[in-house]
Amino acid sequence: MTSNHAGSPQASSGELDRYPRPPVSLEEAEWVWRELTGEAMRPGAKPETVRLAVITGLVRATGTRYGDLLRVRVEDIDLGPARSGRAAEGSVLVRHGKHRTPRRHLLSADLVVLLKHWMVVREELAAELEGSVPRALLLTVHHTHDNGTTVASGLPITRQGLVLSWRRFVHRTNAQYGALRPPLPTRFEQVRRAWVDAAQEHR
């Protein structure tokens, strides 16, 4: 069955009342999506920006949390006809929550375009790895160090990596816009909940 984020388990689990920090407005969440998409599609965009835009787009479409995103594989994504001359809708299979309940969500045409761009970027990130490219959709974009050992880019990203990527974007954006707009929260959950709340209201 195909659904959008309004049908995600997170939207009906009752968790919304338990999160202590208020969500941003829907307008603010949509601004984040537009800002990241614009940055990601510019020539020479950093892989981290493209990845964060993909994360934001998938959360906007599915309402899913970081932990569920980490389980999404390349084969869970349907980007429509490979040779299509125009953008088309796609879909993604997400395994929600601790029970990993599978649910397929629609993806808008603009998100499909972004995901196709990310697929090219992720192949380049994993080019230096030995063996096949990992099947995880979201990969690391930097060489990192773990207990003195260098870890190559192109490996599956961790939850902590997603958290740090969002915070880097927040600090950069808040510094760039200063008093021109409200500061973004350092917790992405406050942005995710704006979309989940909006989906609740339209059910």
Protein backbone atom coordinates (compact mmCIF):
# COMPACT_ATOMS: atom_id res chain seq x y z
CA MET A 1 0.00 0.00 0.00
CA THR A 2 1.24 3.45 -0.87
CA SER A 3 0.88 6.37 1.51
CA ASN A 4 2.35 9.71 2.31
CA HIS A 5 3.72 10.81 5.69
CA ALA A 6 0.22 11.26 7.10
CA GLY A 7 -0.05 7.51 7.51
CA SER A 8 3.26 6.93 9.21
CA PRO A 9 3.26 5.21 12.62
CA GLN A 10 4.93 8.24 14.16
CA ALA A 11 1.96 10.41 13.26
CA SER A 12 -0.47 8.34 15.31
CA SER A 13 1.61 6.87 18.13
CA GLY A 14 0.82 9.52 20.72
CA GLU A 15 4.49 10.44 20.97
CA LEU A 16 3.84 14.07 20.03
CA ASP A 17 2.64 15.07 23.49
CA ARG A 18 5.72 13.60 25.15
CA TYR A 19 8.43 15.52 23.32
CA PRO A 20 9.43 18.45 25.57
CA ARG A 21 10.55 20.94 22.91
CA PRO A 22 8.03 22.72 20.68
CA PRO A 23 8.18 22.12 16.92
CA VAL A 24 9.02 24.90 14.53
CA SER A 25 6.16 26.23 12.41
CA LEU A 26 5.26 24.43 9.19
CA GLU A 27 6.40 27.52 7.27
CA GLU A 28 9.80 27.27 8.97
CA ALA A 29 10.12 23.56 8.19
CA GLU A 30 9.25 24.23 4.55
CA TRP A 31 11.87 27.01 4.46
CA VAL A 32 14.50 24.50 5.62
CA TRP A 33 13.49 22.12 2.84
CA ARG A 34 13.66 24.83 0.17
CA GLU A 35 16.96 26.18 1.46
CA LEU A 36 18.65 22.79 1.52
CA THR A 37 17.26 21.73 -1.86
CA GLY A 38 18.46 24.96 -3.44
CA GLU A 39 21.94 24.52 -1.98
CA ALA A 40 22.13 20.84 -2.91
CA MET A 41 21.27 21.35 -6.58
CA ARG A 42 23.81 24.13 -7.19
CA PRO A 43 26.91 23.15 -9.19
CA GLY A 44 29.73 22.16 -6.87
CA ALA A 45 27.47 21.54 -3.85
CA LYS A 46 29.17 19.68 -1.03
CA PRO A 47 28.16 16.02 -0.68
CA GLU A 48 27.14 16.65 2.93
CA THR A 49 24.66 19.30 1.78
CA VAL A 50 23.17 16.96 -0.82
CA ARG A 51 22.85 14.20 1.77
CA LEU A 52 21.21 16.50 4.33
CA ALA A 53 18.75 17.72 1.71
CA VAL A 54 17.87 14.09 0.93
CA ILE A 55 17.38 13.36 4.64
CA THR A 56 15.14 16.39 5.03
CA GLY A 57 13.12 15.50 1.95
CA LEU A 58 12.61 11.92 3.09
CA VAL A 59 11.54 13.03 6.57
CA ARG A 60 9.16 15.55 5.03
CA ALA A 61 7.64 12.81 2.86
CA THR A 62 7.48 10.02 5.44
CA GLY A 63 7.60 11.53 8.94
CA THR A 64 10.28 9.01 9.83
CA ARG A 65 12.95 9.33 12.52
CA TYR A 66 16.72 9.10 12.06
CA GLY A 67 16.86 5.49 13.22
CA ASP A 68 14.39 4.39 10.55
CA LEU A 69 16.24 6.34 7.86
CA LEU A 70 19.44 4.48 8.63
CA ARG A 71 17.69 1.24 7.63
CA VAL A 72 16.68 2.50 4.18
CA ARG A 73 18.60 0.74 1.40
CA VAL A 74 19.09 1.67 -2.22
CA GLU A 75 16.68 -1.06 -3.29
CA ASP A 76 13.97 0.46 -1.08
CA ILE A 77 13.85 3.51 -3.36
CA ASP A 78 11.81 3.60 -6.57
CA LEU A 79 12.78 6.65 -8.64
CA GLY A 80 10.44 5.97 -11.53
CA PRO A 81 11.42 5.30 -15.17
CA ALA A 82 15.17 5.54 -15.63
CA ARG A 83 14.88 7.03 -19.13
CA SER A 84 12.00 9.38 -18.48
CA GLY A 85 12.53 12.80 -19.99
CA ARG A 86 10.62 14.56 -17.23
CA ALA A 87 10.50 14.36 -13.45
CA ALA A 88 8.04 11.83 -12.06
CA GLU A 89 6.92 10.72 -8.63
CA GLY A 90 8.62 7.81 -6.90
CA SER A 91 8.31 5.89 -3.66
CA VAL A 92 10.32 4.63 -0.70
CA LEU A 93 9.85 1.67 1.60
CA VAL A 94 10.49 2.59 5.24
CA ARG A 95 10.58 0.12 8.14
CA HIS A 96 9.05 2.12 10.98
CA GLY A 97 9.71 1.82 14.71
CA LYS A 98 11.03 -0.96 16.87
CA HIS A 99 8.80 -3.48 15.09
CA ARG A 100 10.14 -2.29 11.72
CA THR A 101 6.66 -2.07 10.25
CA PRO A 102 7.08 -1.72 6.46
CA ARG A 103 5.21 1.12 4.77
CA ARG A 104 5.65 2.54 1.30
CA HIS A 105 5.47 6.33 0.91
CA LEU A 106 5.10 8.50 -2.16
CA LEU A 107 7.97 10.79 -3.14
CA SER A 108 7.37 14.06 -4.97
CA ALA A 109 8.96 14.70 -8.34
CA ASP A 110 11.36 17.30 -6.92
CA LEU A 111 12.56 14.86 -4.26
CA VAL A 112 13.07 12.19 -6.94
CA VAL A 113 15.31 14.61 -8.87
CA LEU A 114 17.32 15.25 -5.70
CA LEU A 115 17.62 11.53 -4.95
CA LYS A 116 18.88 10.83 -8.46
CA HIS A 117 21.55 13.46 -7.89
CA TRP A 118 22.46 11.85 -4.55
CA MET A 119 22.78 8.42 -6.20
CA VAL A 120 25.53 9.82 -8.41
CA VAL A 121 27.24 11.52 -5.46
CA ARG A 122 27.13 8.38 -3.28
CA GLU A 123 28.77 6.31 -6.02
CA GLU A 124 31.62 8.82 -6.15
CA LEU A 125 31.96 8.76 -2.35
CA ALA A 126 32.38 4.99 -2.34
CA ALA A 127 34.69 4.86 -5.38
CA GLU A 128 37.80 4.27 -3.26
CA LEU A 129 36.30 1.50 -1.15
CA GLU A 130 37.36 -2.05 -1.77
CA GLY A 131 34.58 -4.31 -2.94
CA SER A 132 31.02 -3.30 -3.71
CA VAL A 133 29.30 -0.06 -2.69
CA PRO A 134 27.31 -0.43 0.56
CA ARG A 135 23.58 -0.87 0.05
CA ALA A 136 22.65 1.73 2.71
CA LEU A 137 21.15 4.82 1.08
CA LEU A 138 22.93 7.26 3.40
CA LEU A 139 26.74 7.15 3.39
CA THR A 140 29.50 9.11 5.11
CA VAL A 141 30.91 12.01 3.11
CA HIS A 142 34.20 12.60 4.95
CA HIS A 143 37.15 10.52 6.03
CA THR A 144 36.65 10.23 9.80
CA HIS A 145 38.78 9.04 12.70
CA ASP A 146 37.61 6.42 15.16
CA ASN A 147 39.99 5.62 18.07
CA GLY A 148 42.99 6.56 15.99
CA THR A 149 41.86 4.62 12.90
CA THR A 150 40.97 6.44 9.70
CA VAL A 151 37.56 5.40 8.37
CA ALA A 152 37.05 5.98 4.66
CA SER A 153 34.17 7.97 3.23
CA GLY A 154 31.41 6.02 1.51
CA LEU A 155 30.52 3.80 4.46
CA PRO A 156 27.02 3.72 6.03
CA ILE A 157 26.50 6.76 8.23
CA THR A 158 25.64 6.46 11.91
CA ARG A 159 22.93 8.22 13.88
CA GLN A 160 25.57 10.45 15.48
CA GLY A 161 26.77 11.42 12.02
CA LEU A 162 23.27 12.54 11.08
CA VAL A 163 22.97 14.57 14.29
CA LEU A 164 26.29 16.34 13.70
CA SER A 165 25.49 17.04 10.04
CA TRP A 166 22.25 18.81 10.99
CA ARG A 167 24.00 20.85 13.70
CA ARG A 168 26.69 22.00 11.28
CA PHE A 169 23.98 23.23 8.93
CA VAL A 170 22.16 24.98 11.79
CA HIS A 171 25.26 26.79 13.05
CA ARG A 172 26.21 27.89 9.53
CA THR A 173 22.68 29.03 8.67
CA ASN A 174 22.10 30.86 11.95
CA ALA A 175 25.39 32.70 11.52
CA GLN A 176 24.57 33.57 7.90
CA TYR A 177 21.11 34.98 8.53
CA GLY A 178 21.71 36.45 12.00
CA ALA A 179 18.87 38.80 12.94
CA LEU A 180 17.13 38.37 9.58
CA ARG A 181 15.24 35.27 10.66
CA PRO A 182 14.61 33.15 13.78
CA PRO A 183 17.46 30.75 14.64
CA LEU A 184 16.98 27.13 13.68
CA PRO A 185 16.86 24.55 16.49
CA THR A 186 19.85 22.29 16.99
CA ARG A 187 17.52 19.27 17.24
CA PHE A 188 16.09 18.11 13.94
CA GLU A 189 13.19 16.48 15.80
CA GLN A 190 11.60 19.91 16.19
CA VAL A 191 11.55 20.25 12.40
CA ARG A 192 10.33 16.70 11.80
CA ARG A 193 7.41 17.21 14.14
CA ALA A 194 6.20 20.22 12.18
CA TRP A 195 5.52 17.95 9.21
CA VAL A 196 4.06 15.17 11.35
CA ASP A 197 1.73 17.62 13.13
CA ALA A 198 0.61 19.05 9.80
CA ALA A 199 -0.12 15.54 8.53
CA GLN A 200 -2.19 14.87 11.65
CA GLU A 201 -4.31 17.96 11.03
CA HIS A 202 -5.10 16.88 7.45
CA ARG A 203 -6.16 13.32 8.28
